[in-house]
C-alpha atoms as a PDB file:
ATOM      1  CA  MET A   1      -6.573 -30.769  10.474  1.00  0.00           C
ATOM      2  CA  LYS A   2      -7.366 -32.880  13.658  1.00  0.00           C
ATOM      3  CA  TYR A   3      -8.819 -36.453  13.348  1.00  0.00           C
ATOM      4  CA  LYS A   4     -12.628 -36.500  13.421  1.00  0.00           C
ATOM      5  CA  SER A   5     -14.061 -39.905  14.565  1.00  0.00           C
ATOM      6  CA  PRO A   6     -16.712 -41.031  12.634  1.00  0.00           C
ATOM      7  CA  ALA A   7     -20.394 -40.428  14.003  1.00  0.00           C
ATOM      8  CA  VAL A   8     -21.792 -42.627  16.042  1.00  0.00           C
ATOM      9  CA  GLU A   9     -25.809 -43.192  16.814  1.00  0.00           C
ATOM     10  CA  ASP A  10     -26.889 -43.043  20.504  1.00  0.00           C
ATOM     11  CA  TYR A  11     -29.223 -46.456  20.227  1.00  0.00           C
ATOM     12  CA  GLU A  12     -30.442 -46.140  23.740  1.00  0.00           C
ATOM     13  CA  THR A  13     -32.241 -42.347  22.784  1.00  0.00           C
ATOM     14  CA  ASP A  14     -33.135 -42.646  18.897  1.00  0.00           C
ATOM     15  CA  GLY A  15     -35.413 -45.593  19.171  1.00  0.00           C
ATOM     16  CA  SER A  16     -33.442 -47.428  16.446  1.00  0.00           C
ATOM     17  CA  PRO A  17     -33.372 -51.219  16.337  1.00  0.00           C
ATOM     18  CA  VAL A  18     -30.564 -52.399  18.562  1.00  0.00           C
ATOM     19  CA  PRO A  19     -27.350 -53.565  16.610  1.00  0.00           C
ATOM     20  CA  ALA A  20     -26.655 -57.084  15.808  1.00  0.00           C
ATOM     21  CA  ALA A  21     -23.631 -57.150  18.160  1.00  0.00           C
ATOM     22  CA  GLU A  22     -26.514 -56.521  21.121  1.00  0.00           C
ATOM     23  CA  LYS A  23     -29.023 -58.595  19.647  1.00  0.00           C
ATOM     24  CA  ARG A  24     -26.821 -61.368  19.828  1.00  0.00           C
ATOM     25  CA  LYS A  25     -25.873 -60.829  23.541  1.00  0.00           C
ATOM     26  CA  ARG A  26     -29.678 -60.493  24.172  1.00  0.00           C
ATOM     27  CA  ASP A  27     -30.838 -63.519  22.253  1.00  0.00           C
ATOM     28  CA  HIS A  28     -28.349 -66.188  20.791  1.00  0.00           C
ATOM     29  CA  LYS A  29     -31.155 -67.841  18.680  1.00  0.00           C
ATOM     30  CA  ILE A  30     -31.564 -64.998  16.318  1.00  0.00           C
ATOM     31  CA  HIS A  31     -29.135 -64.965  13.608  1.00  0.00           C
ATOM     32  CA  GLU A  32     -30.282 -62.131  10.806  1.00  0.00           C
ATOM     33  CA  THR A  33     -29.592 -58.817  10.643  1.00  0.00           C
ATOM     34  CA  SER A  34     -31.278 -56.390   8.695  1.00  0.00           C
ATOM     35  CA  ASP A  35     -29.738 -54.227   5.839  1.00  0.00           C
ATOM     36  CA  ARG A  36     -30.476 -51.090   7.727  1.00  0.00           C
ATOM     37  CA  ASP A  37     -29.200 -52.240  10.745  1.00  0.00           C
ATOM     38  CA  ASP A  38     -25.744 -52.905   8.973  1.00  0.00           C
ATOM     39  CA  SER A  39     -25.512 -49.613   7.283  1.00  0.00           C
ATOM     40  CA  GLU A  40     -26.316 -47.894  10.746  1.00  0.00           C
ATOM     41  CA  GLN A  41     -23.239 -49.484  12.279  1.00  0.00           C
ATOM     42  CA  PRO A  42     -20.017 -47.364  12.769  1.00  0.00           C
ATOM     43  CA  PRO A  43     -16.941 -48.454  11.219  1.00  0.00           C
ATOM     44  CA  ASN A  44     -15.457 -51.367  13.297  1.00  0.00           C
ATOM     45  CA  LYS A  45     -12.081 -53.059  12.443  1.00  0.00           C
ATOM     46  CA  VAL A  46     -12.712 -56.457  13.211  1.00  0.00           C
ATOM     47  CA  SER A  47     -15.901 -56.694  11.500  1.00  0.00           C
ATOM     48  CA  LYS A  48     -14.078 -55.255   8.413  1.00  0.00           C
ATOM     49  CA  SER A  49     -11.210 -57.610   8.917  1.00  0.00           C
ATOM     50  CA  THR A  50     -13.647 -60.510   8.403  1.00  0.00           C
ATOM     51  CA  SER A  51     -16.145 -58.874   6.264  1.00  0.00           C
ATOM     52  CA  GLY A  52     -16.180 -58.920   2.354  1.00  0.00           C
ATOM     53  CA  ASN A  53     -15.255 -55.972  -0.273  1.00  0.00           C
ATOM     54  CA  SER A  54     -19.127 -55.043  -0.228  1.00  0.00           C
ATOM     55  CA  SER A  55     -19.139 -54.107   2.852  1.00  0.00           C
ATOM     56  CA  SER A  56     -16.044 -52.032   2.775  1.00  0.00           C
ATOM     57  CA  LYS A  57     -17.772 -50.457  -0.375  1.00  0.00           C
ATOM     58  CA  GLU A  58     -20.828 -49.684   1.927  1.00  0.00           C
ATOM     59  CA  GLU A  59     -18.962 -48.084   4.848  1.00  0.00           C
ATOM     60  CA  ASN A  60     -16.930 -45.726   2.182  1.00  0.00           C
ATOM     61  CA  LYS A  61     -20.092 -44.608   0.465  1.00  0.00           C
ATOM     62  CA  ALA A  62     -21.549 -43.661   4.365  1.00  0.00           C
ATOM     63  CA  ASP A  63     -18.384 -41.574   4.768  1.00  0.00           C
ATOM     64  CA  PRO A  64     -16.596 -40.949   1.654  1.00  0.00           C
ATOM     65  CA  ASN A  65     -13.509 -39.329   3.335  1.00  0.00           C
ATOM     66  CA  THR A  66     -12.935 -42.625   5.505  1.00  0.00           C
ATOM     67  CA  ASN A  67     -10.668 -45.165   3.747  1.00  0.00           C
ATOM     68  CA  SER A  68     -10.863 -48.705   4.482  1.00  0.00           C
ATOM     69  CA  GLU A  69      -8.923 -48.757   7.601  1.00  0.00           C
ATOM     70  CA  GLY A  70     -11.265 -46.276   9.517  1.00  0.00           C
ATOM     71  CA  TRP A  71      -8.955 -43.476   8.958  1.00  0.00           C
ATOM     72  CA  ASN A  72      -9.874 -39.976   8.091  1.00  0.00           C
ATOM     73  CA  ASN A  73      -8.329 -39.206   4.232  1.00  0.00           C
ATOM     74  CA  ASP A  74      -8.015 -35.286   5.772  1.00  0.00           C
ATOM     75  CA  ASN A  75      -5.053 -36.941   7.934  1.00  0.00           C
ATOM     76  CA  LYS A  76      -3.346 -38.257   4.676  1.00  0.00           C
ATOM     77  CA  GLY A  77       0.453 -38.610   5.375  1.00  0.00           C
ATOM     78  CA  LYS A  78      -0.165 -38.840   9.545  1.00  0.00           C
ATOM     79  CA  GLN A  79       0.339 -42.197  11.380  1.00  0.00           C
ATOM     80  CA  ASP A  80      -2.679 -43.942  12.367  1.00  0.00           C
ATOM     81  CA  PRO A  81      -2.835 -43.765  16.133  1.00  0.00           C
ATOM     82  CA  GLU A  82      -3.564 -47.229  16.771  1.00  0.00           C
ATOM     83  CA  VAL A  83      -0.562 -48.280  14.460  1.00  0.00           C
ATOM     84  CA  LYS A  84       1.461 -45.637  16.657  1.00  0.00           C
ATOM     85  CA  THR A  85       0.329 -47.239  19.971  1.00  0.00           C
ATOM     86  CA  GLY A  86       1.303 -50.769  18.492  1.00  0.00           C
ATOM     87  CA  ALA A  87       4.638 -49.867  17.372  1.00  0.00           C
ATOM     88  CA  LYS A  88       5.296 -47.994  20.646  1.00  0.00           C
ATOM     89  CA  ARG A  89       4.194 -51.119  22.715  1.00  0.00           C
ATOM     90  CA  LYS A  90       6.665 -53.060  20.387  1.00  0.00           C
ATOM     91  CA  GLN A  91       9.444 -50.689  21.228  1.00  0.00           C
ATOM     92  CA  LYS A  92       8.613 -50.881  24.889  1.00  0.00           C
ATOM     93  CA  GLN A  93       8.982 -54.479  24.571  1.00  0.00           C
ATOM     94  CA  ASN A  94      12.272 -54.717  22.811  1.00  0.00           C
ATOM     95  CA  GLU A  95      13.656 -52.306  25.620  1.00  0.00           C
ATOM     96  CA  GLU A  96      12.591 -54.295  28.411  1.00  0.00           C
ATOM     97  CA  GLY A  97      13.932 -57.430  26.811  1.00  0.00           C
ATOM     98  CA  GLY A  98      10.420 -58.971  26.419  1.00  0.00           C
ATOM     99  CA  LEU A  99      11.390 -60.464  23.078  1.00  0.00           C
ATOM    100  CA  GLU A 100      13.139 -64.070  23.086  1.00  0.00           C
ATOM    101  CA  GLY A 101      15.134 -62.560  19.871  1.00  0.00           C
ATOM    102  CA  ALA A 102      16.266 -59.730  21.332  1.00  0.00           C
ATOM    103  CA  GLU A 103      17.446 -61.607  24.707  1.00  0.00           C
ATOM    104  CA  GLY A 104      19.530 -63.695  22.682  1.00  0.00           C
ATOM    105  CA  GLN A 105      21.162 -61.183  21.309  1.00  0.00           C
ATOM    106  CA  PHE A 106      21.954 -59.543  24.279  1.00  0.00           C
ATOM    107  CA  GLU A 107      23.363 -62.821  26.116  1.00  0.00           C
ATOM    108  CA  ASP A 108      25.452 -63.326  22.910  1.00  0.00           C
ATOM    109  CA  GLU A 109      26.864 -60.209  23.302  1.00  0.00           C
ATOM    110  CA  GLU A 110      27.129 -60.515  26.755  1.00  0.00           C
ATOM    111  CA  HIS A 111      29.347 -63.860  26.596  1.00  0.00           C
ATOM    112  CA  ALA A 112      31.621 -62.760  23.550  1.00  0.00           C
ATOM    113  CA  LYS A 113      35.176 -62.370  24.815  1.00  0.00           C
ATOM    114  CA  PRO A 114      37.897 -60.365  23.359  1.00  0.00           C
ATOM    115  CA  SER A 115      40.533 -62.238  21.538  1.00  0.00           C
ATOM    116  CA  GLU A 116      44.659 -61.682  22.383  1.00  0.00           C
ATOM    117  CA  SER A 117      46.080 -59.018  20.260  1.00  0.00           C
ATOM    118  CA  PRO A 118      48.383 -59.940  17.570  1.00  0.00           C
ATOM    119  CA  LYS A 119      51.050 -58.198  19.682  1.00  0.00           C
ATOM    120  CA  VAL A 120      50.528 -60.126  22.768  1.00  0.00           C
ATOM    121  CA  HIS A 121      50.331 -63.095  21.012  1.00  0.00           C
ATOM    122  CA  LYS A 122      53.855 -62.703  19.322  1.00  0.00           C
ATOM    123  CA  ILE A 123      55.259 -61.579  23.244  1.00  0.00           C
ATOM    124  CA  ILE A 124      54.077 -64.923  24.586  1.00  0.00           C
ATOM    125  CA  GLU A 125      55.008 -67.229  21.742  1.00  0.00           C
ATOM    126  CA  GLU A 126      58.235 -65.673  20.671  1.00  0.00           C
ATOM    127  CA  PHE A 127      59.533 -64.092  23.923  1.00  0.00           C
ATOM    128  CA  GLY A 128      57.383 -65.416  26.836  1.00  0.00           C
ATOM    129  CA  ARG A 129      59.266 -67.957  28.774  1.00  0.00           C
ATOM    130  CA  GLN A 130      57.213 -70.394  30.910  1.00  0.00           C
ATOM    131  CA  PRO A 131      57.945 -70.297  35.006  1.00  0.00           C
ATOM    132  CA  LEU A 132      61.169 -72.125  35.747  1.00  0.00           C
ATOM    133  CA  GLU A 133      61.746 -72.779  32.196  1.00  0.00           C
ATOM    134  CA  GLY A 134      65.191 -74.763  31.668  1.00  0.00           C
ATOM    135  CA  THR A 135      64.974 -76.705  35.087  1.00  0.00           C
ATOM    136  CA  SER A 136      63.831 -79.813  35.394  1.00  0.00           C
ATOM    137  CA  LEU A 137      60.702 -78.898  37.146  1.00  0.00           C
ATOM    138  CA  ALA A 138      59.303 -77.102  33.965  1.00  0.00           C
ATOM    139  CA  LYS A 139      59.747 -80.690  32.275  1.00  0.00           C
ATOM    140  CA  GLU A 140      55.997 -81.485  33.837  1.00  0.00           C
ATOM    141  CA  PRO A 141      53.017 -79.229  33.769  1.00  0.00           C
ATOM    142  CA  LEU A 142      53.484 -76.983  36.701  1.00  0.00           C
ATOM    143  CA  ILE A 143      51.277 -77.267  39.858  1.00  0.00           C
ATOM    144  CA  ALA A 144      51.290 -75.585  43.281  1.00  0.00           C
ATOM    145  CA  SER A 145      53.620 -77.790  45.231  1.00  0.00           C
ATOM    146  CA  PRO A 146      55.638 -76.705  48.049  1.00  0.00           C
ATOM    147  CA  GLU A 147      58.810 -77.958  46.025  1.00  0.00           C
ATOM    148  CA  THR A 148      57.417 -75.372  42.956  1.00  0.00           C
ATOM    149  CA  VAL A 149      56.624 -72.377  44.964  1.00  0.00           C
ATOM    150  CA  LEU A 150      59.919 -72.652  46.772  1.00  0.00           C
ATOM    151  CA  ALA A 151      61.876 -72.790  43.583  1.00  0.00           C
ATOM    152  CA  MET A 152      60.230 -69.711  42.147  1.00  0.00           C
ATOM    153  CA  VAL A 153      61.318 -67.997  45.438  1.00  0.00           C
ATOM    154  CA  LEU A 154      64.732 -69.183  44.698  1.00  0.00           C
ATOM    155  CA  ASP A 155      64.425 -68.067  40.970  1.00  0.00           C
ATOM    156  CA  ALA A 156      63.227 -64.306  42.034  1.00  0.00           C
ATOM    157  CA  MET A 157      65.878 -64.175  44.716  1.00  0.00           C
ATOM    158  CA  LEU A 158      69.003 -64.919  42.580  1.00  0.00           C
ATOM    159  CA  LYS A 159      67.465 -62.707  39.235  1.00  0.00           C
ATOM    160  CA  SER A 160      67.047 -59.857  41.618  1.00  0.00           C
ATOM    161  CA  ARG A 161      70.837 -59.040  41.577  1.00  0.00           C
ATOM    162  CA  PRO A 162      72.705 -57.073  39.463  1.00  0.00           C
ATOM    163  CA  ILE A 163      74.010 -59.776  36.985  1.00  0.00           C
ATOM    164  CA  SER A 164      73.351 -61.314  33.701  1.00  0.00           C
ATOM    165  CA  HIS A 165      70.106 -63.463  32.910  1.00  0.00           C
ATOM    166  CA  ASP A 166      72.506 -66.169  31.778  1.00  0.00           C
ATOM    167  CA  LEU A 167      74.670 -66.172  34.757  1.00  0.00           C
ATOM    168  CA  SER A 168      71.490 -66.198  37.214  1.00  0.00           C
ATOM    169  CA  GLN A 169      69.684 -68.806  35.022  1.00  0.00           C
ATOM    170  CA  ARG A 170      72.659 -71.159  35.531  1.00  0.00           C
ATOM    171  CA  ALA A 171      72.982 -70.617  39.080  1.00  0.00           C
ATOM    172  CA  VAL A 172      69.223 -71.100  39.470  1.00  0.00           C
ATOM    173  CA  ASN A 173      69.457 -74.461  37.424  1.00  0.00           C
ATOM    174  CA  LYS A 174      72.390 -75.803  40.028  1.00  0.00           C
ATOM    175  CA  LEU A 175      70.270 -75.357  43.272  1.00  0.00           C
ATOM    176  CA  ILE A 176      67.191 -77.034  41.800  1.00  0.00           C
ATOM    177  CA  ASP A 177      69.829 -79.946  40.443  1.00  0.00           C
ATOM    178  CA  GLU A 178      70.859 -79.900  43.817  1.00  0.00           C
ATOM    179  CA  GLY A 179      67.265 -80.349  45.419  1.00  0.00           C
ATOM    180  CA  TYR A 180      67.600 -77.121  47.353  1.00  0.00           C
ATOM    181  CA  HIS A 181      63.914 -76.645  46.194  1.00  0.00           C
ATOM    182  CA  ASP A 182      63.032 -79.267  48.794  1.00  0.00           C
ATOM    183  CA  ILE A 183      62.520 -77.316  51.984  1.00  0.00           C
ATOM    184  CA  ARG A 184      63.952 -80.345  54.097  1.00  0.00           C
ATOM    185  CA  LYS A 185      67.382 -80.678  51.637  1.00  0.00           C
ATOM    186  CA  LEU A 186      67.886 -76.951  51.829  1.00  0.00           C
ATOM    187  CA  GLY A 187      67.372 -76.826  55.622  1.00  0.00           C
ATOM    188  CA  GLU A 188      70.023 -79.444  56.162  1.00  0.00           C
ATOM    189  CA  SER A 189      72.411 -77.866  54.093  1.00  0.00           C
ATOM    190  CA  SER A 190      75.489 -76.137  55.579  1.00  0.00           C
ATOM    191  CA  TRP A 191      76.577 -72.542  54.865  1.00  0.00           C
ATOM    192  CA  GLU A 192      79.708 -73.988  53.101  1.00  0.00           C
ATOM    193  CA  GLU A 193      77.504 -76.409  50.689  1.00  0.00           C
ATOM    194  CA  ARG A 194      75.368 -73.716  49.711  1.00  0.00           C
ATOM    195  CA  THR A 195      78.348 -71.524  48.904  1.00  0.00           C
ATOM    196  CA  MET A 196      80.002 -74.041  46.703  1.00  0.00           C
ATOM    197  CA  VAL A 197      76.864 -74.666  44.905  1.00  0.00           C
ATOM    198  CA  LEU A 198      76.438 -71.169  44.096  1.00  0.00           C
ATOM    199  CA  LYS A 199      80.113 -71.005  42.776  1.00  0.00           C
ATOM    200  CA  ASP A 200      79.752 -73.561  40.867  1.00  0.00           C
ATOM    201  CA  GLY A 201      76.561 -72.350  39.278  1.00  0.00           C
ATOM    202  CA  GLY A 202      78.304 -68.963  38.327  1.00  0.00           C
ATOM    203  CA  TYR A 203      77.075 -67.053  41.097  1.00  0.00           C
ATOM    204  CA  ASN A 204      80.544 -66.046  42.409  1.00  0.00           C
ATOM    205  CA  ARG A 205      79.991 -62.118  43.083  1.00  0.00           C
ATOM    206  CA  TYR A 206      77.418 -63.028  45.475  1.00  0.00           C
ATOM    207  CA  ARG A 207      77.813 -66.229  46.558  1.00  0.00           C
ATOM    208  CA  GLU A 208      78.365 -65.833  50.292  1.00  0.00           C
ATOM    209  CA  GLN A 209      75.990 -63.294  51.034  1.00  0.00           C
ATOM    210  CA  GLY A 210      73.369 -65.596  48.665  1.00  0.00           C
ATOM    211  CA  ALA A 211      74.165 -68.812  50.862  1.00  0.00           C
ATOM    212  CA  THR A 212      73.246 -66.917  54.095  1.00  0.00           C
ATOM    213  CA  ASN A 213      70.180 -65.763  52.477  1.00  0.00           C
ATOM    214  CA  LEU A 214      69.232 -69.261  51.315  1.00  0.00           C
ATOM    215  CA  GLY A 215      69.539 -70.215  54.974  1.00  0.00           C
ATOM    216  CA  ASP A 216      67.280 -67.542  56.361  1.00  0.00           C
ATOM    217  CA  LEU A 217      65.062 -68.569  53.531  1.00  0.00           C
ATOM    218  CA  ALA A 218      64.706 -72.030  55.095  1.00  0.00           C
ATOM    219  CA  ASP A 219      64.373 -70.765  58.472  1.00  0.00           C
ATOM    220  CA  PHE A 220      61.534 -68.489  57.308  1.00  0.00           C
ATOM    221  CA  VAL A 221      59.604 -71.002  55.518  1.00  0.00           C
ATOM    222  CA  ASN A 222      60.033 -73.754  58.301  1.00  0.00           C
ATOM    223  CA  GLY A 223      59.650 -71.563  61.266  1.00  0.00           C
ATOM    224  CA  GLN A 224      56.406 -69.639  60.031  1.00  0.00           C
ATOM    225  CA  TYR A 225      54.458 -72.004  57.422  1.00  0.00           C
ATOM    226  CA  ASP A 226      54.817 -75.271  58.563  1.00  0.00           C
ATOM    227  CA  TRP A 227      51.572 -75.262  60.674  1.00  0.00           C
ATOM    228  CA  LEU A 228      49.534 -77.353  57.976  1.00  0.00           C
ATOM    229  CA  CYS A 229      52.189 -79.982  58.260  1.00  0.00           C
ATOM    230  CA  GLN A 230      52.343 -80.763  61.989  1.00  0.00           C
ATOM    231  CA  TYR A 231      50.477 -84.091  61.940  1.00  0.00           C
ATOM    232  CA  VAL A 232      52.760 -85.356  58.915  1.00  0.00           C
ATOM    233  CA  ASP A 233      55.637 -87.667  59.584  1.00  0.00           C
ATOM    234  CA  HIS A 234      58.230 -84.746  58.673  1.00  0.00           C
ATOM    235  CA  GLY A 235      56.003 -82.130  60.361  1.00  0.00           C
ATOM    236  CA  LEU A 236      58.884 -79.542  60.466  1.00  0.00           C
ATOM    237  CA  ASP A 237      58.497 -79.321  56.587  1.00  0.00           C
ATOM    238  CA  GLY A 238      57.280 -75.601  55.914  1.00  0.00           C
ATOM    239  CA  ASP A 239      55.168 -74.949  52.794  1.00  0.00           C
ATOM    240  CA  LEU A 240      54.597 -71.446  51.224  1.00  0.00           C
ATOM    241  CA  ASN A 241      51.309 -72.448  50.240  1.00  0.00           C
ATOM    242  CA  ASN A 242      50.491 -71.576  53.670  1.00  0.00           C
ATOM    243  CA  LEU A 243      51.522 -68.270  53.361  1.00  0.00           C
ATOM    244  CA  LEU A 244      48.755 -67.765  50.428  1.00  0.00           C
ATOM    245  CA  GLU A 245      46.305 -69.320  52.652  1.00  0.00           C
ATOM    246  CA  LYS A 246      47.284 -66.817  55.601  1.00  0.00           C
ATOM    247  CA  ALA A 247      47.081 -63.987  53.077  1.00  0.00           C
ATOM    248  CA  GLY A 248      43.579 -65.220  52.371  1.00  0.00           C
ATOM    249  CA  ASN A 249      44.394 -65.037  48.593  1.00  0.00           C
ATOM    250  CA  ASP A 250      44.808 -61.291  48.778  1.00  0.00           C
ATOM    251  CA  ARG A 251      47.849 -60.153  46.401  1.00  0.00           C
ATOM    252  CA  LYS A 252      48.318 -57.062  48.472  1.00  0.00           C
ATOM    253  CA  LYS A 253      48.543 -59.144  51.759  1.00  0.00           C
ATOM    254  CA  THR A 254      50.779 -61.926  49.888  1.00  0.00           C
ATOM    255  CA  ARG A 255      53.206 -59.358  48.924  1.00  0.00           C
ATOM    256  CA  ASP A 256      53.657 -57.997  52.168  1.00  0.00           C
ATOM    257  CA  LEU A 257      54.220 -61.301  53.850  1.00  0.00           C
ATOM    258  CA  ILE A 258      56.423 -62.749  50.990  1.00  0.00           C
ATOM    259  CA  LYS A 259      58.637 -59.855  51.843  1.00  0.00           C
ATOM    260  CA  GLY A 260      59.971 -61.455  54.708  1.00  0.00           C
ATOM    261  CA  VAL A 261      62.111 -63.400  52.979  1.00  0.00           C
ATOM    262  CA  LYS A 262      65.598 -61.654  53.470  1.00  0.00           C
ATOM    263  CA  GLY A 263      67.367 -60.771  50.249  1.00  0.00           C
ATOM    264  CA  LEU A 264      64.133 -60.904  47.968  1.00  0.00           C
ATOM    265  CA  GLY A 265      63.477 -57.219  47.904  1.00  0.00           C
ATOM    266  CA  ASP A 266      60.554 -55.337  45.915  1.00  0.00           C
ATOM    267  CA  LEU A 267      62.334 -56.599  42.667  1.00  0.00           C
ATOM    268  CA  GLY A 268      62.624 -59.907  43.721  1.00  0.00           C
ATOM    269  CA  VAL A 269      58.860 -59.836  44.973  1.00  0.00           C
ATOM    270  CA  ASP A 270      57.845 -58.650  41.619  1.00  0.00           C
ATOM    271  CA  LEU A 271      59.787 -61.579  39.765  1.00  0.00           C
ATOM    272  CA  PHE A 272      58.050 -63.646  42.154  1.00  0.00           C
ATOM    273  CA  LEU A 273      54.639 -62.823  41.519  1.00  0.00           C
ATOM    274  CA  ASN A 274      55.090 -62.764  37.738  1.00  0.00           C
ATOM    275  CA  ASN A 275      55.879 -66.362  38.017  1.00  0.00           C
ATOM    276  CA  VAL A 276      53.578 -67.669  40.784  1.00  0.00           C
ATOM    277  CA  GLN A 277      50.458 -66.417  39.445  1.00  0.00           C
ATOM    278  CA  SER A 278      50.632 -69.304  36.986  1.00  0.00           C
ATOM    279  CA  VAL A 279      50.313 -72.075  40.207  1.00  0.00           C
ATOM    280  CA  TRP A 280      48.175 -69.302  42.253  1.00  0.00           C
ATOM    281  CA  PRO A 281      45.653 -67.920  39.903  1.00  0.00           C
ATOM    282  CA  SER A 282      44.555 -65.602  42.568  1.00  0.00           C
ATOM    283  CA  MET A 283      47.251 -63.368  42.421  1.00  0.00           C
ATOM    284  CA  ALA A 284      46.581 -62.913  38.513  1.00  0.00           C
ATOM    285  CA  PRO A 285      46.566 -60.606  36.491  1.00  0.00           C
ATOM    286  CA  PHE A 286      50.099 -59.362  37.549  1.00  0.00           C
ATOM    287  CA  LEU A 287      52.454 -57.199  35.818  1.00  0.00           C
ATOM    288  CA  ASP A 288      55.865 -55.896  37.429  1.00  0.00           C
ATOM    289  CA  ALA A 289      56.021 -52.329  37.047  1.00  0.00           C
ATOM    290  CA  ARG A 290      58.612 -52.256  34.311  1.00  0.00           C
ATOM    291  CA  SER A 291      56.604 -54.691  32.084  1.00  0.00           C
ATOM    292  CA  LEU A 292      53.749 -52.617  32.683  1.00  0.00           C
ATOM    293  CA  LYS A 293      55.437 -49.665  31.230  1.00  0.00           C
ATOM    294  CA  THR A 294      56.780 -51.602  28.363  1.00  0.00           C
ATOM    295  CA  ALA A 295      53.218 -52.689  27.645  1.00  0.00           C
ATOM    296  CA  GLU A 296      52.106 -49.233  27.795  1.00  0.00           C
ATOM    297  CA  GLU A 297      55.034 -48.352  24.970  1.00  0.00           C
ATOM    298  CA  LEU A 298      53.997 -51.147  22.877  1.00  0.00           C
ATOM    299  CA  SER A 299      50.410 -49.963  22.882  1.00  0.00           C
ATOM    300  CA  ILE A 300      49.212 -53.032  24.537  1.00  0.00           C
ATOM    301  CA  GLY A 301      47.549 -51.084  26.941  1.00  0.00           C
ATOM    302  CA  THR A 302      47.939 -51.000  31.182  1.00  0.00           C
ATOM    303  CA  ASP A 303      44.374 -52.571  31.679  1.00  0.00           C
ATOM    304  CA  LEU A 304      45.364 -55.797  33.261  1.00  0.00           C
ATOM    305  CA  GLU A 305      41.611 -57.218  33.713  1.00  0.00           C
ATOM    306  CA  ALA A 306      41.066 -56.375  29.913  1.00  0.00           C
ATOM    307  CA  ILE A 307      44.490 -58.350  28.868  1.00  0.00           C
ATOM    308  CA  TYR A 308      43.581 -60.946  31.191  1.00  0.00           C
ATOM    309  CA  GLU A 309      40.214 -61.483  29.664  1.00  0.00           C
ATOM    310  CA  SER A 310      41.890 -61.669  26.121  1.00  0.00           C
ATOM    311  CA  LEU A 311      44.015 -64.516  27.296  1.00  0.00           C
ATOM    312  CA  ASN A 312      40.725 -66.411  28.628  1.00  0.00           C
ATOM    313  CA  ARG A 313      41.619 -65.717  32.009  1.00  0.00           C
ATOM    314  CA  ASP A 314      44.873 -68.156  31.497  1.00  0.00           C
ATOM    315  CA  PRO A 315      47.213 -67.391  34.238  1.00  0.00           C
ATOM    316  CA  MET A 316      49.908 -69.365  32.439  1.00  0.00           C
ATOM    317  CA  ARG A 317      49.577 -67.040  29.622  1.00  0.00           C
ATOM    318  CA  MET A 318      49.671 -64.089  32.011  1.00  0.00           C
ATOM    319  CA  SER A 319      52.591 -65.478  33.325  1.00  0.00           C
ATOM    320  CA  ARG A 320      54.137 -65.896  30.209  1.00  0.00           C
ATOM    321  CA  LEU A 321      53.234 -62.248  28.803  1.00  0.00           C
ATOM    322  CA  ALA A 322      55.326 -60.822  31.921  1.00  0.00           C
ATOM    323  CA  ASN A 323      58.302 -62.801  31.152  1.00  0.00           C
ATOM    324  CA  GLY A 324      58.005 -61.990  27.650  1.00  0.00           C
ATOM    325  CA  LEU A 325      57.685 -58.467  28.106  1.00  0.00           C
ATOM    326  CA  SER A 326      60.919 -58.534  30.523  1.00  0.00           C
ATOM    327  CA  HIS A 327      62.668 -60.156  27.495  1.00  0.00           C
ATOM    328  CA  VAL A 328      61.679 -57.745  25.006  1.00  0.00           C
ATOM    329  CA  ARG A 329      62.808 -54.975  27.320  1.00  0.00           C
ATOM    330  CA  LEU A 330      66.024 -56.393  28.440  1.00  0.00           C
ATOM    331  CA  ASP A 331      66.780 -57.575  24.468  1.00  0.00           C
ATOM    332  CA  LYS A 332      65.324 -54.260  23.063  1.00  0.00           C
ATOM    333  CA  LYS A 333      62.837 -56.093  21.151  1.00  0.00           C
ATOM    334  CA  GLN A 334      60.456 -53.540  21.307  1.00  0.00           C
ATOM    335  CA  ARG A 335      60.919 -52.332  17.209  1.00  0.00           C
ATOM    336  CA  GLU A 336      60.343 -56.090  16.224  1.00  0.00           C
ATOM    337  CA  VAL A 337      57.099 -56.558  18.159  1.00  0.00           C
ATOM    338  CA  ARG A 338      55.799 -53.096  16.673  1.00  0.00           C
ATOM    339  CA  GLU A 339      56.539 -54.221  13.214  1.00  0.00           C
ATOM    340  CA  ASP A 340      53.298 -56.542  13.486  1.00  0.00           C
END
């Protein structure tokens, strides 16, 4: 049954006394209202909410099918249109973020960050070496100094050769102990001196080619990336941080430029980016192709941005994760990681 509004008398045409509301508007000095006027008034929610029980009873007598809320009993079980309208209005406020509580909830959800998974945590803590670990440079927190970045190139150059990790690490340690991560010291060294240093470090198989590549590296850095040092006393000393600036902090451009180092190759560039992201955050997040495959096999996923976010965008932990995945792959520790 459709809702039938209570009948309202036309006070302009029937000659009835003017309602109390109208009388108040016309003359504020008149404060009395007859019982007949009240009985002829249509149900009004505002007046009911402020009137006593007696007025509610009188209204019910006037229309037995209308309850105390002015809602027809024939519509029992249906929702009051005004209540329904209010509910819709409230829903709209929630949807538009008009309620402070809702806004706060959305802000909390927006700022909530995922935490690193147990597998990722284990790989980093148990297998993830810090860049240049085992060398004298790693005794202090790493920064993007010319020496640190050059040492990472040396590390990548030697470890990209088909040689055991222990031997290549020995050779890297020896080069750094001799000070070859200082571009001036490297540039002043002779081919014979570099050959002997590599031999002493156990890098026998590739010592001659390695010595040549080290000389070319010094020429590359000093010849192309010394332009920010031209007003310094030792203005011929190059700095690979200038390479990053030339690339505009773009990873692809950085990759293309660093490939200019002879003897580095694609694998060497991957190893370099794995490490250098710890001091060049614009290179993060990065995982070399083989580490990315290992991550997929361990069900860690391949969404680097999501992984990096779970690490609180810490470039050092991202670098350690890359090295940890390499360690897991090379030492066949996949099962040990999966058990967690």
